[in-house]
Amino acid sequence: MKFTVQPSELKAAWSAVKSVVPSKPAMPVLENVLLRPYGENAVTLTASDTDNVITVRMAVEDAEGLVPFLVPANRLADYISNAMSSDWPLMVETDSDEIILSDGFGDFRFFV
């Protein structure tokens, strides 16, 4: 899966779903945020704490091979709060075991 998203879109979507990501989840899968294609030019972010579910749609560009995948919420939060540039579009690429977030300054990679 590969797509480009504006930093403001990702920040807005993350700020909406982060409130239901539990700090000590009852099930390990709840430590993740689900990214799922929504049409050709959008991706949804979904998070849950078993009682509440929040799904937010964000606009994306240059989408290829869109398939659902899980992103560790703590890694996404680290990237958004510490490493993401607010000026450059963000390219998101995934394969079976790695997620790569690239902006104009470099890559942020993590294994899933």
C-alpha atoms as a PDB file:
ATOM      1  CA  MET A   1       0.000   0.000   0.000  1.00  0.00           C
ATOM      2  CA  LYS A   2       1.258   3.446  -0.823  1.00  0.00           C
ATOM      3  CA  PHE A   3      -0.294   6.894  -0.532  1.00  0.00           C
ATOM      4  CA  THR A   4       0.546  10.534   0.146  1.00  0.00           C
ATOM      5  CA  VAL A   5      -1.220  12.558   2.824  1.00  0.00           C
ATOM      6  CA  GLN A   6      -0.933  16.161   3.931  1.00  0.00           C
ATOM      7  CA  PRO A   7       0.397  16.518   7.500  1.00  0.00           C
ATOM      8  CA  SER A   8      -2.645  18.541   8.558  1.00  0.00           C
ATOM      9  CA  GLU A   9      -4.966  15.708   7.427  1.00  0.00           C
ATOM     10  CA  LEU A  10      -3.010  13.107   9.394  1.00  0.00           C
ATOM     11  CA  LYS A  11      -2.798  15.285  12.512  1.00  0.00           C
ATOM     12  CA  ALA A  12      -6.536  15.981  12.454  1.00  0.00           C
ATOM     13  CA  ALA A  13      -7.395  12.295  11.992  1.00  0.00           C
ATOM     14  CA  TRP A  14      -4.954  11.224  14.709  1.00  0.00           C
ATOM     15  CA  SER A  15      -6.234  13.771  17.217  1.00  0.00           C
ATOM     16  CA  ALA A  16      -9.760  12.435  16.696  1.00  0.00           C
ATOM     17  CA  VAL A  17      -8.935   8.735  17.212  1.00  0.00           C
ATOM     18  CA  LYS A  18      -6.181   8.917  19.844  1.00  0.00           C
ATOM     19  CA  SER A  19      -8.645   9.448  22.664  1.00  0.00           C
ATOM     20  CA  VAL A  20      -9.858   5.847  22.458  1.00  0.00           C
ATOM     21  CA  VAL A  21      -6.445   4.179  22.179  1.00  0.00           C
ATOM     22  CA  PRO A  22      -6.021   2.573  25.617  1.00  0.00           C
ATOM     23  CA  SER A  23      -2.732   2.976  27.484  1.00  0.00           C
ATOM     24  CA  LYS A  24      -3.036  -0.534  28.955  1.00  0.00           C
ATOM     25  CA  PRO A  25      -5.261  -2.484  26.575  1.00  0.00           C
ATOM     26  CA  ALA A  26      -7.077  -5.658  27.541  1.00  0.00           C
ATOM     27  CA  MET A  27      -6.192  -7.126  24.133  1.00  0.00           C
ATOM     28  CA  PRO A  28      -2.945  -6.450  22.195  1.00  0.00           C
ATOM     29  CA  VAL A  29      -4.780  -5.597  18.972  1.00  0.00           C
ATOM     30  CA  LEU A  30      -6.199  -2.494  20.677  1.00  0.00           C
ATOM     31  CA  GLU A  31      -2.687  -0.992  20.732  1.00  0.00           C
ATOM     32  CA  ASN A  32      -3.076  -0.398  16.984  1.00  0.00           C
ATOM     33  CA  VAL A  33      -4.877   1.940  14.645  1.00  0.00           C
ATOM     34  CA  LEU A  34      -6.481   0.405  11.558  1.00  0.00           C
ATOM     35  CA  LEU A  35      -5.866   2.218   8.276  1.00  0.00           C
ATOM     36  CA  ARG A  36      -8.315   1.121   5.615  1.00  0.00           C
ATOM     37  CA  PRO A  37      -8.984   2.407   2.098  1.00  0.00           C
ATOM     38  CA  TYR A  38     -12.181   4.379   1.584  1.00  0.00           C
ATOM     39  CA  GLY A  39     -12.718   4.815  -2.122  1.00  0.00           C
ATOM     40  CA  GLU A  40      -9.803   5.851  -4.297  1.00  0.00           C
ATOM     41  CA  ASN A  41      -8.800   9.092  -2.580  1.00  0.00           C
ATOM     42  CA  ALA A  42      -9.407   8.503   1.116  1.00  0.00           C
ATOM     43  CA  VAL A  43      -8.231   6.325   3.986  1.00  0.00           C
ATOM     44  CA  THR A  44     -10.010   5.779   7.296  1.00  0.00           C
ATOM     45  CA  LEU A  45      -8.295   5.559  10.672  1.00  0.00           C
ATOM     46  CA  THR A  46     -10.116   3.432  13.263  1.00  0.00           C
ATOM     47  CA  ALA A  47      -9.269   2.948  16.921  1.00  0.00           C
ATOM     48  CA  SER A  48     -11.146   1.268  19.753  1.00  0.00           C
ATOM     49  CA  ASP A  49     -10.987   0.597  23.477  1.00  0.00           C
ATOM     50  CA  THR A  50     -13.668  -2.175  23.199  1.00  0.00           C
ATOM     51  CA  ASP A  51     -16.369   0.165  24.525  1.00  0.00           C
ATOM     52  CA  ASN A  52     -15.916   2.975  21.998  1.00  0.00           C
ATOM     53  CA  VAL A  53     -14.910   2.968  18.350  1.00  0.00           C
ATOM     54  CA  ILE A  54     -13.881   6.069  16.433  1.00  0.00           C
ATOM     55  CA  THR A  55     -13.430   6.099  12.661  1.00  0.00           C
ATOM     56  CA  VAL A  56     -12.181   9.180  10.831  1.00  0.00           C
ATOM     57  CA  ARG A  57     -11.698   9.651   7.098  1.00  0.00           C
ATOM     58  CA  MET A  58      -8.739  11.563   5.658  1.00  0.00           C
ATOM     59  CA  ALA A  59      -8.045  12.578   2.067  1.00  0.00           C
ATOM     60  CA  VAL A  60      -5.015  11.008   0.371  1.00  0.00           C
ATOM     61  CA  GLU A  61      -3.275  11.427  -2.967  1.00  0.00           C
ATOM     62  CA  ASP A  62      -1.364   9.106  -5.305  1.00  0.00           C
ATOM     63  CA  ALA A  63      -2.908   5.996  -3.743  1.00  0.00           C
ATOM     64  CA  GLU A  64      -1.686   2.609  -4.999  1.00  0.00           C
ATOM     65  CA  GLY A  65      -2.554  -0.907  -3.899  1.00  0.00           C
ATOM     66  CA  LEU A  66      -4.737   0.165  -1.006  1.00  0.00           C
ATOM     67  CA  VAL A  67      -5.276  -2.642   1.506  1.00  0.00           C
ATOM     68  CA  PRO A  68      -6.143  -2.449   5.227  1.00  0.00           C
ATOM     69  CA  PHE A  69      -3.250  -2.553   7.707  1.00  0.00           C
ATOM     70  CA  LEU A  70      -2.586  -1.964  11.406  1.00  0.00           C
ATOM     71  CA  VAL A  71      -0.211   0.704  12.678  1.00  0.00           C
ATOM     72  CA  PRO A  72       1.079   0.593  16.262  1.00  0.00           C
ATOM     73  CA  ALA A  73      -0.572   3.622  17.877  1.00  0.00           C
ATOM     74  CA  ASN A  74       2.443   4.499  20.040  1.00  0.00           C
ATOM     75  CA  ARG A  75       4.756   4.576  17.007  1.00  0.00           C
ATOM     76  CA  LEU A  76       2.338   6.731  15.043  1.00  0.00           C
ATOM     77  CA  ALA A  77       2.020   9.103  18.003  1.00  0.00           C
ATOM     78  CA  ASP A  78       5.827   9.338  18.320  1.00  0.00           C
ATOM     79  CA  TYR A  79       6.168  10.194  14.662  1.00  0.00           C
ATOM     80  CA  ILE A  80       3.393  12.789  14.652  1.00  0.00           C
ATOM     81  CA  SER A  81       4.578  14.539  17.816  1.00  0.00           C
ATOM     82  CA  ASN A  82       8.357  14.354  17.298  1.00  0.00           C
ATOM     83  CA  ALA A  83       9.433  13.716  13.729  1.00  0.00           C
ATOM     84  CA  MET A  84       6.785  14.836  11.265  1.00  0.00           C
ATOM     85  CA  SER A  85       7.450  17.983   9.292  1.00  0.00           C
ATOM     86  CA  SER A  86       4.409  20.214   8.978  1.00  0.00           C
ATOM     87  CA  ASP A  87       5.463  21.555   5.572  1.00  0.00           C
ATOM     88  CA  TRP A  88       6.032  18.473   3.449  1.00  0.00           C
ATOM     89  CA  PRO A  89       3.480  15.919   2.239  1.00  0.00           C
ATOM     90  CA  LEU A  90       3.923  12.565   3.915  1.00  0.00           C
ATOM     91  CA  MET A  91       4.312   9.384   1.871  1.00  0.00           C
ATOM     92  CA  VAL A  92       3.123   6.213   3.602  1.00  0.00           C
ATOM     93  CA  GLU A  93       4.324   2.843   2.288  1.00  0.00           C
ATOM     94  CA  THR A  94       3.654  -0.578   3.720  1.00  0.00           C
ATOM     95  CA  ASP A  95       4.575  -4.141   2.994  1.00  0.00           C
ATOM     96  CA  SER A  96       4.040  -7.308   4.973  1.00  0.00           C
ATOM     97  CA  ASP A  97       6.398  -6.397   7.828  1.00  0.00           C
ATOM     98  CA  GLU A  98       7.389  -2.735   7.599  1.00  0.00           C
ATOM     99  CA  ILE A  99       5.813   0.711   7.508  1.00  0.00           C
ATOM    100  CA  ILE A 100       7.770   3.613   6.028  1.00  0.00           C
ATOM    101  CA  LEU A 101       6.748   7.218   6.618  1.00  0.00           C
ATOM    102  CA  SER A 102       8.706   9.631   4.393  1.00  0.00           C
ATOM    103  CA  ASP A 103       8.677  13.394   4.255  1.00  0.00           C
ATOM    104  CA  GLY A 104      11.071  15.960   2.830  1.00  0.00           C
ATOM    105  CA  PHE A 105      13.594  15.357   5.613  1.00  0.00           C
ATOM    106  CA  GLY A 106      13.940  11.580   5.738  1.00  0.00           C
ATOM    107  CA  ASP A 107      12.303   8.262   6.499  1.00  0.00           C
ATOM    108  CA  PHE A 108      10.772   6.909   9.683  1.00  0.00           C
ATOM    109  CA  ARG A 109      10.654   3.093   9.523  1.00  0.00           C
ATOM    110  CA  PHE A 110       9.216   0.577  11.886  1.00  0.00           C
ATOM    111  CA  PHE A 111       8.504  -3.106  11.774  1.00  0.00           C
ATOM    112  CA  VAL A 112       5.099  -4.530  12.558  1.00  0.00           C
END
